[in-house]
N, C-alpha and C. Protein backbone atom coordinates (compact mmCIF):
# COMPACT_ATOMS: atom_id res chain seq x y z
N UNK A 1 -73.24 41.43 19.56
CA UNK A 1 -72.96 42.36 20.64
C UNK A 1 -71.77 41.88 21.46
N UNK A 2 -71.74 40.59 21.79
CA UNK A 2 -70.64 40.05 22.57
C UNK A 2 -69.35 40.11 21.77
N UNK A 3 -69.42 39.83 20.47
CA UNK A 3 -68.24 39.91 19.61
C UNK A 3 -67.71 41.35 19.58
N UNK A 4 -68.62 42.32 19.50
CA UNK A 4 -68.23 43.74 19.50
C UNK A 4 -67.48 44.09 20.79
N UNK A 5 -67.97 43.63 21.93
CA UNK A 5 -67.32 43.88 23.21
C UNK A 5 -65.96 43.21 23.26
N UNK A 6 -65.88 41.99 22.73
CA UNK A 6 -64.62 41.26 22.71
C UNK A 6 -63.57 41.99 21.88
N UNK A 7 -63.97 42.48 20.71
CA UNK A 7 -63.06 43.23 19.84
C UNK A 7 -62.61 44.52 20.52
N UNK A 8 -63.55 45.21 21.13
CA UNK A 8 -63.23 46.46 21.83
C UNK A 8 -62.22 46.22 22.95
N UNK A 9 -62.44 45.20 23.73
CA UNK A 9 -61.53 44.88 24.83
C UNK A 9 -60.15 44.51 24.29
N UNK A 10 -60.10 43.71 23.23
CA UNK A 10 -58.81 43.34 22.65
C UNK A 10 -58.08 44.55 22.09
N UNK A 11 -58.80 45.49 21.49
CA UNK A 11 -58.17 46.71 20.99
C UNK A 11 -57.58 47.53 22.14
N UNK A 12 -58.30 47.61 23.21
CA UNK A 12 -57.80 48.36 24.37
C UNK A 12 -56.53 47.70 24.91
N UNK A 13 -56.56 46.38 25.06
CA UNK A 13 -55.38 45.70 25.58
C UNK A 13 -54.21 45.76 24.61
N UNK A 14 -54.48 45.66 23.33
CA UNK A 14 -53.41 45.73 22.34
C UNK A 14 -52.74 47.11 22.33
N UNK A 15 -53.53 48.14 22.51
CA UNK A 15 -52.97 49.49 22.48
C UNK A 15 -52.16 49.82 23.73
N UNK A 16 -52.36 49.07 24.78
CA UNK A 16 -51.61 49.28 26.02
C UNK A 16 -50.80 48.03 26.37
N UNK A 17 -50.17 47.43 25.37
CA UNK A 17 -49.47 46.17 25.57
C UNK A 17 -48.33 46.27 26.59
N UNK A 18 -47.74 47.44 26.73
CA UNK A 18 -46.63 47.60 27.67
C UNK A 18 -47.10 47.53 29.13
N UNK A 19 -48.32 47.90 29.37
CA UNK A 19 -48.84 47.88 30.74
C UNK A 19 -49.13 46.45 31.16
N UNK A 20 -48.94 46.17 32.44
CA UNK A 20 -49.17 44.81 32.92
C UNK A 20 -50.54 44.64 33.55
N UNK A 21 -51.30 45.70 33.66
CA UNK A 21 -52.66 45.58 34.20
C UNK A 21 -53.63 46.29 33.25
N UNK A 22 -54.90 46.11 33.51
CA UNK A 22 -55.95 46.72 32.70
C UNK A 22 -55.67 48.21 32.54
N UNK A 23 -55.70 48.72 31.31
CA UNK A 23 -55.41 50.14 31.09
C UNK A 23 -56.36 51.08 31.82
N UNK A 24 -57.59 50.66 32.01
CA UNK A 24 -58.52 51.52 32.74
C UNK A 24 -58.17 51.56 34.23
N UNK A 25 -57.65 50.45 34.74
CA UNK A 25 -57.20 50.44 36.13
C UNK A 25 -55.95 51.32 36.26
N UNK A 26 -55.07 51.25 35.26
CA UNK A 26 -53.89 52.12 35.25
C UNK A 26 -54.29 53.59 35.22
N UNK A 27 -55.28 53.91 34.40
CA UNK A 27 -55.76 55.29 34.33
C UNK A 27 -56.32 55.74 35.68
N UNK A 28 -57.00 54.82 36.35
CA UNK A 28 -57.53 55.13 37.68
C UNK A 28 -56.40 55.39 38.67
N UNK A 29 -55.35 54.58 38.59
CA UNK A 29 -54.20 54.77 39.48
C UNK A 29 -53.54 56.14 39.25
N UNK A 30 -53.41 56.52 37.99
CA UNK A 30 -52.80 57.81 37.65
C UNK A 30 -53.63 58.95 38.23
N UNK A 31 -54.93 58.90 38.00
CA UNK A 31 -55.81 59.95 38.51
C UNK A 31 -55.80 59.99 40.04
N UNK A 32 -55.82 58.82 40.66
CA UNK A 32 -55.82 58.77 42.12
C UNK A 32 -54.52 59.32 42.70
N UNK A 33 -53.39 58.99 42.08
CA UNK A 33 -52.11 59.51 42.59
C UNK A 33 -52.07 61.03 42.46
N UNK A 34 -52.64 61.56 41.38
CA UNK A 34 -52.72 63.01 41.23
C UNK A 34 -53.60 63.64 42.29
N UNK A 35 -54.73 62.99 42.60
CA UNK A 35 -55.63 63.50 43.64
C UNK A 35 -54.95 63.49 45.01
N UNK A 36 -54.24 62.41 45.31
CA UNK A 36 -53.53 62.33 46.60
C UNK A 36 -52.48 63.43 46.71
N UNK A 37 -51.72 63.63 45.65
CA UNK A 37 -50.66 64.64 45.67
C UNK A 37 -51.22 66.04 45.84
N UNK A 38 -52.30 66.35 45.13
CA UNK A 38 -52.89 67.68 45.25
C UNK A 38 -53.55 67.88 46.62
N UNK A 39 -54.05 66.81 47.20
CA UNK A 39 -54.61 66.89 48.54
C UNK A 39 -53.51 67.25 49.55
N UNK A 40 -52.35 66.64 49.41
CA UNK A 40 -51.21 66.97 50.28
C UNK A 40 -50.77 68.42 50.06
N UNK A 41 -50.80 68.84 48.82
CA UNK A 41 -50.43 70.22 48.50
C UNK A 41 -51.38 71.20 49.19
N UNK A 42 -52.67 70.90 49.16
CA UNK A 42 -53.65 71.75 49.84
C UNK A 42 -53.42 71.79 51.35
N UNK A 43 -53.01 70.67 51.93
CA UNK A 43 -52.72 70.64 53.37
C UNK A 43 -51.56 71.57 53.70
N UNK A 44 -50.52 71.56 52.87
CA UNK A 44 -49.36 72.43 53.10
C UNK A 44 -49.77 73.90 52.97
N UNK A 45 -50.57 74.21 51.95
CA UNK A 45 -51.05 75.59 51.76
C UNK A 45 -51.87 76.03 52.98
N UNK A 46 -52.75 75.16 53.45
CA UNK A 46 -53.59 75.49 54.61
C UNK A 46 -52.72 75.74 55.85
N UNK A 47 -51.69 74.93 56.02
CA UNK A 47 -50.78 75.11 57.15
C UNK A 47 -50.06 76.46 57.04
N UNK A 48 -49.62 76.81 55.84
CA UNK A 48 -48.95 78.09 55.63
C UNK A 48 -49.86 79.27 55.95
N UNK A 49 -51.09 79.21 55.46
CA UNK A 49 -52.04 80.31 55.70
C UNK A 49 -52.37 80.41 57.19
N UNK A 50 -52.55 79.27 57.84
CA UNK A 50 -52.90 79.27 59.26
C UNK A 50 -51.79 79.86 60.13
N UNK A 51 -50.55 79.73 59.68
CA UNK A 51 -49.41 80.21 60.47
C UNK A 51 -48.79 81.50 59.93
N UNK A 52 -49.48 82.18 59.04
CA UNK A 52 -48.94 83.37 58.38
C UNK A 52 -48.63 84.52 59.32
N UNK A 53 -49.20 84.53 60.51
CA UNK A 53 -48.97 85.62 61.47
C UNK A 53 -48.25 85.16 62.74
N UNK A 54 -47.73 83.94 62.74
CA UNK A 54 -47.09 83.38 63.93
C UNK A 54 -45.64 83.85 64.02
N UNK A 55 -45.37 84.67 65.02
CA UNK A 55 -44.01 85.18 65.25
C UNK A 55 -43.34 84.37 66.35
N UNK A 56 -42.08 84.67 66.56
CA UNK A 56 -41.39 84.08 67.70
C UNK A 56 -41.89 84.73 68.99
N UNK A 57 -41.58 84.12 70.12
CA UNK A 57 -42.02 84.67 71.41
C UNK A 57 -41.10 85.79 71.89
N UNK A 58 -39.88 85.79 71.36
CA UNK A 58 -38.92 86.84 71.72
C UNK A 58 -38.05 87.15 70.49
N UNK A 59 -37.22 88.18 70.54
CA UNK A 59 -36.45 88.57 69.36
C UNK A 59 -35.49 87.50 68.83
N UNK A 60 -35.06 86.59 69.67
CA UNK A 60 -34.11 85.57 69.21
C UNK A 60 -34.78 84.37 68.53
N UNK A 61 -36.09 84.24 68.68
CA UNK A 61 -36.82 83.13 68.04
C UNK A 61 -37.26 83.50 66.64
N UNK A 62 -37.12 82.55 65.74
CA UNK A 62 -37.62 82.76 64.38
C UNK A 62 -39.12 82.50 64.33
N UNK A 63 -39.81 83.18 63.41
CA UNK A 63 -41.23 82.90 63.23
C UNK A 63 -41.42 81.61 62.42
N UNK A 64 -42.66 81.28 62.17
CA UNK A 64 -43.01 80.13 61.33
C UNK A 64 -42.33 80.30 59.97
N UNK A 65 -41.81 79.21 59.43
CA UNK A 65 -41.22 79.23 58.08
C UNK A 65 -42.18 78.55 57.12
N UNK A 66 -42.42 79.21 56.01
CA UNK A 66 -43.30 78.68 54.97
C UNK A 66 -42.80 77.31 54.53
N UNK A 67 -43.74 76.40 54.29
CA UNK A 67 -43.42 75.06 53.79
C UNK A 67 -43.68 75.01 52.28
N UNK A 68 -42.83 74.25 51.59
CA UNK A 68 -42.97 74.05 50.15
C UNK A 68 -43.00 72.55 49.90
N UNK A 69 -43.93 72.11 49.07
CA UNK A 69 -44.04 70.68 48.75
C UNK A 69 -43.36 70.41 47.41
N UNK A 70 -42.63 69.31 47.33
CA UNK A 70 -41.95 68.91 46.11
C UNK A 70 -42.49 67.54 45.69
N UNK A 71 -42.69 67.39 44.39
CA UNK A 71 -43.23 66.15 43.83
C UNK A 71 -42.16 65.42 43.03
N UNK A 72 -42.39 64.14 42.84
CA UNK A 72 -41.51 63.34 42.00
C UNK A 72 -42.37 62.38 41.19
N UNK A 73 -41.81 61.93 40.08
CA UNK A 73 -42.47 60.91 39.28
C UNK A 73 -41.97 59.55 39.75
N UNK A 74 -42.88 58.62 39.91
CA UNK A 74 -42.53 57.30 40.41
C UNK A 74 -43.08 56.26 39.44
N UNK A 75 -42.19 55.44 38.87
CA UNK A 75 -42.65 54.42 37.93
C UNK A 75 -43.30 53.27 38.68
N UNK A 76 -44.53 52.96 38.29
CA UNK A 76 -45.28 51.85 38.88
C UNK A 76 -45.25 50.71 37.87
N UNK A 77 -44.49 49.66 38.19
CA UNK A 77 -44.35 48.54 37.25
C UNK A 77 -45.67 47.83 37.00
N UNK A 78 -46.46 47.68 38.04
CA UNK A 78 -47.74 46.98 37.90
C UNK A 78 -48.66 47.71 36.93
N UNK A 79 -48.70 49.03 37.06
CA UNK A 79 -49.56 49.83 36.18
C UNK A 79 -48.87 50.09 34.85
N UNK A 80 -47.55 49.96 34.82
CA UNK A 80 -46.81 50.23 33.60
C UNK A 80 -46.82 51.71 33.24
N UNK A 81 -46.84 52.54 34.25
CA UNK A 81 -46.93 53.98 34.01
C UNK A 81 -46.24 54.75 35.13
N UNK A 82 -46.14 56.05 34.94
CA UNK A 82 -45.53 56.92 35.94
C UNK A 82 -46.63 57.58 36.76
N UNK A 83 -46.47 57.53 38.08
CA UNK A 83 -47.42 58.14 39.00
C UNK A 83 -46.77 59.32 39.71
N UNK A 84 -47.58 60.28 40.12
CA UNK A 84 -47.10 61.44 40.85
C UNK A 84 -47.09 61.13 42.34
N UNK A 85 -45.98 61.43 43.00
CA UNK A 85 -45.84 61.19 44.44
C UNK A 85 -45.22 62.41 45.10
N UNK A 86 -45.50 62.58 46.39
CA UNK A 86 -44.85 63.64 47.16
C UNK A 86 -43.42 63.20 47.44
N UNK A 87 -42.47 64.03 47.06
CA UNK A 87 -41.06 63.74 47.30
C UNK A 87 -40.66 64.20 48.70
N UNK A 88 -40.96 65.47 48.99
CA UNK A 88 -40.61 66.01 50.31
C UNK A 88 -41.36 67.31 50.56
N UNK A 89 -41.36 67.70 51.82
CA UNK A 89 -41.90 69.00 52.23
C UNK A 89 -40.77 69.69 52.96
N UNK A 90 -40.35 70.85 52.43
CA UNK A 90 -39.20 71.56 52.99
C UNK A 90 -39.58 72.97 53.41
N UNK A 91 -38.76 73.54 54.26
CA UNK A 91 -38.96 74.92 54.68
C UNK A 91 -38.41 75.88 53.63
N UNK A 92 -39.16 76.92 53.34
CA UNK A 92 -38.73 77.98 52.43
C UNK A 92 -37.61 78.77 53.11
N UNK A 93 -36.50 78.94 52.43
CA UNK A 93 -35.34 79.62 53.01
C UNK A 93 -35.31 81.12 52.71
N UNK A 94 -36.39 81.66 52.16
CA UNK A 94 -36.41 83.09 51.86
C UNK A 94 -36.46 83.91 53.15
N UNK A 95 -36.16 85.19 53.02
CA UNK A 95 -36.09 86.09 54.17
C UNK A 95 -37.46 86.28 54.82
N UNK A 96 -37.44 86.54 56.11
CA UNK A 96 -38.67 86.85 56.83
C UNK A 96 -39.07 88.30 56.55
N UNK A 97 -40.34 88.57 56.72
CA UNK A 97 -40.83 89.94 56.59
C UNK A 97 -40.54 90.67 57.90
N UNK A 98 -40.06 91.89 57.80
CA UNK A 98 -39.76 92.70 58.99
C UNK A 98 -40.82 93.79 59.11
N UNK A 99 -41.44 93.86 60.29
CA UNK A 99 -42.46 94.89 60.55
C UNK A 99 -42.04 95.70 61.78
N UNK A 100 -42.27 96.98 61.69
CA UNK A 100 -41.94 97.86 62.82
C UNK A 100 -43.09 97.85 63.81
N UNK A 101 -42.89 97.17 64.93
CA UNK A 101 -43.88 97.06 66.01
C UNK A 101 -43.13 97.09 67.34
N UNK A 102 -42.70 98.26 67.78
CA UNK A 102 -41.84 98.33 68.98
C UNK A 102 -42.46 97.77 70.26
N UNK A 103 -43.79 97.69 70.34
CA UNK A 103 -44.45 97.19 71.55
C UNK A 103 -44.58 95.66 71.57
N UNK A 104 -44.30 95.02 70.45
CA UNK A 104 -44.44 93.56 70.34
C UNK A 104 -43.37 92.86 71.18
N UNK A 105 -43.73 91.77 71.88
CA UNK A 105 -42.74 91.05 72.71
C UNK A 105 -41.56 90.49 71.91
N UNK A 106 -41.75 90.25 70.61
CA UNK A 106 -40.67 89.70 69.78
C UNK A 106 -39.88 90.79 69.05
N UNK A 107 -40.13 92.05 69.37
CA UNK A 107 -39.42 93.16 68.70
C UNK A 107 -37.95 93.18 69.12
N UNK A 108 -37.09 93.44 68.14
CA UNK A 108 -35.66 93.57 68.45
C UNK A 108 -35.39 94.96 69.04
N UNK A 109 -34.13 95.27 69.26
CA UNK A 109 -33.77 96.55 69.89
C UNK A 109 -34.14 97.76 69.03
N UNK A 110 -34.38 97.55 67.74
CA UNK A 110 -34.80 98.63 66.84
C UNK A 110 -36.31 98.70 66.68
N UNK A 111 -37.02 97.78 67.29
CA UNK A 111 -38.48 97.76 67.22
C UNK A 111 -39.05 96.93 66.09
N UNK A 112 -38.21 96.14 65.41
CA UNK A 112 -38.68 95.32 64.29
C UNK A 112 -38.97 93.89 64.74
N UNK A 113 -40.03 93.34 64.18
CA UNK A 113 -40.45 91.97 64.48
C UNK A 113 -40.34 91.15 63.20
N UNK A 114 -39.77 89.95 63.32
CA UNK A 114 -39.70 89.03 62.17
C UNK A 114 -41.05 88.32 62.04
N UNK A 115 -41.64 88.43 60.84
CA UNK A 115 -42.90 87.74 60.55
C UNK A 115 -42.63 86.65 59.52
N UNK A 116 -43.48 85.63 59.48
CA UNK A 116 -43.28 84.51 58.55
C UNK A 116 -43.13 84.97 57.09
N UNK A 117 -42.39 84.16 56.34
CA UNK A 117 -42.17 84.43 54.92
C UNK A 117 -43.32 83.86 54.08
N UNK A 118 -44.53 84.04 54.56
CA UNK A 118 -45.74 83.55 53.89
C UNK A 118 -46.45 84.72 53.21
N UNK A 119 -46.66 84.58 51.91
CA UNK A 119 -47.42 85.57 51.15
C UNK A 119 -48.79 84.95 50.87
N UNK A 120 -49.82 85.49 51.48
CA UNK A 120 -51.16 84.89 51.37
C UNK A 120 -51.67 84.86 49.93
N UNK A 121 -51.27 85.83 49.11
CA UNK A 121 -51.69 85.84 47.70
C UNK A 121 -51.10 84.64 46.97
N UNK A 122 -49.82 84.38 47.21
CA UNK A 122 -49.18 83.21 46.59
C UNK A 122 -49.82 81.93 47.09
N UNK A 123 -50.12 81.87 48.37
CA UNK A 123 -50.75 80.67 48.94
C UNK A 123 -52.13 80.44 48.33
N UNK A 124 -52.89 81.51 48.14
CA UNK A 124 -54.23 81.37 47.55
C UNK A 124 -54.12 80.91 46.09
N UNK A 125 -53.12 81.42 45.37
CA UNK A 125 -52.90 80.97 43.99
C UNK A 125 -52.52 79.49 43.96
N UNK A 126 -51.65 79.07 44.88
CA UNK A 126 -51.28 77.66 44.98
C UNK A 126 -52.49 76.80 45.30
N UNK A 127 -53.34 77.29 46.21
CA UNK A 127 -54.55 76.55 46.58
C UNK A 127 -55.48 76.40 45.38
N UNK A 128 -55.64 77.47 44.61
CA UNK A 128 -56.52 77.42 43.44
C UNK A 128 -55.98 76.45 42.39
N UNK A 129 -54.66 76.49 42.18
CA UNK A 129 -54.04 75.57 41.22
C UNK A 129 -54.18 74.12 41.68
N UNK A 130 -53.96 73.87 42.96
CA UNK A 130 -54.10 72.52 43.50
C UNK A 130 -55.55 72.03 43.38
N UNK A 131 -56.49 72.93 43.66
CA UNK A 131 -57.91 72.58 43.55
C UNK A 131 -58.26 72.22 42.11
N UNK A 132 -57.79 73.03 41.16
CA UNK A 132 -58.07 72.76 39.74
C UNK A 132 -57.48 71.43 39.30
N UNK A 133 -56.25 71.16 39.74
CA UNK A 133 -55.61 69.88 39.40
C UNK A 133 -56.34 68.71 40.03
N UNK A 134 -56.77 68.88 41.27
CA UNK A 134 -57.53 67.83 41.95
C UNK A 134 -58.82 67.55 41.18
N UNK A 135 -59.53 68.61 40.80
CA UNK A 135 -60.80 68.45 40.07
C UNK A 135 -60.58 67.79 38.71
N UNK A 136 -59.49 68.13 38.02
CA UNK A 136 -59.20 67.51 36.73
C UNK A 136 -58.95 66.01 36.90
N UNK A 137 -58.21 65.64 37.94
CA UNK A 137 -57.96 64.23 38.21
C UNK A 137 -59.24 63.51 38.61
N UNK A 138 -60.09 64.17 39.38
CA UNK A 138 -61.37 63.57 39.78
C UNK A 138 -62.26 63.34 38.55
N UNK A 139 -62.26 64.29 37.62
CA UNK A 139 -63.04 64.14 36.39
C UNK A 139 -62.49 62.99 35.56
N UNK A 140 -61.17 62.87 35.50
CA UNK A 140 -60.55 61.77 34.77
C UNK A 140 -60.93 60.43 35.40
N UNK A 141 -60.93 60.38 36.71
CA UNK A 141 -61.32 59.16 37.41
C UNK A 141 -62.78 58.81 37.11
N UNK A 142 -63.63 59.81 37.07
CA UNK A 142 -65.06 59.59 36.78
C UNK A 142 -65.25 59.07 35.35
N UNK A 143 -64.49 59.61 34.39
CA UNK A 143 -64.57 59.15 33.00
C UNK A 143 -64.10 57.70 32.91
N UNK A 144 -63.02 57.39 33.60
CA UNK A 144 -62.51 56.02 33.60
C UNK A 144 -63.54 55.05 34.17
N UNK A 145 -64.16 55.45 35.27
CA UNK A 145 -65.21 54.63 35.88
C UNK A 145 -66.36 54.42 34.90
N UNK A 146 -66.76 55.48 34.23
CA UNK A 146 -67.85 55.40 33.25
C UNK A 146 -67.48 54.45 32.11
N UNK A 147 -66.24 54.52 31.64
CA UNK A 147 -65.80 53.62 30.57
C UNK A 147 -65.78 52.17 31.03
N UNK A 148 -65.38 51.94 32.27
CA UNK A 148 -65.40 50.58 32.80
C UNK A 148 -66.83 50.03 32.84
N UNK A 149 -67.78 50.87 33.24
CA UNK A 149 -69.18 50.44 33.28
C UNK A 149 -69.71 50.17 31.88
N UNK A 150 -69.30 50.99 30.90
CA UNK A 150 -69.73 50.78 29.51
C UNK A 150 -69.21 49.45 28.98
N UNK A 151 -67.97 49.12 29.30
CA UNK A 151 -67.41 47.84 28.86
C UNK A 151 -68.17 46.68 29.49
N UNK A 152 -68.50 46.81 30.76
CA UNK A 152 -69.29 45.76 31.42
C UNK A 152 -70.66 45.60 30.76
N UNK A 153 -71.27 46.72 30.40
CA UNK A 153 -72.57 46.68 29.71
C UNK A 153 -72.44 45.98 28.36
N UNK A 154 -71.37 46.26 27.63
CA UNK A 154 -71.16 45.63 26.33
C UNK A 154 -70.94 44.12 26.45
N UNK A 155 -70.41 43.70 27.56
CA UNK A 155 -70.12 42.28 27.76
C UNK A 155 -71.36 41.48 28.15
N UNK A 156 -72.44 42.14 28.49
CA UNK A 156 -73.66 41.41 28.89
C UNK A 156 -74.34 40.78 27.72
């Protein structure tokens, strides 16, 4: 039994010779970086939805601008792999929605009010995609944890 565990561990390390740390730890790092990134993405989506109706106080003020999150790949030498990281969060430069509301304090001389460039349907789709990605990474982390426990059991 101990010989079997030793062979299994050596096979795992041999197959991931380029990595400088335990491959299961590297897998955990990858899953965790994905979870962190998707969590940040959900925060941006929530902020966009929360501010979807925020206009300026007067016609010269712009309303809330939709935020967009950008990701980058970051090589982690210790893990010997590429991790997902948040690169930046920028304002969407698309046009504002114009609504005819002549009584609104932010209405221009024609009665139009600038509303945020937030489309709630797009935000909900982004939220669903981020949630699915988060769950996939969480499942991967759980499988990695299970495999680590199995290896420990084999070593007993």
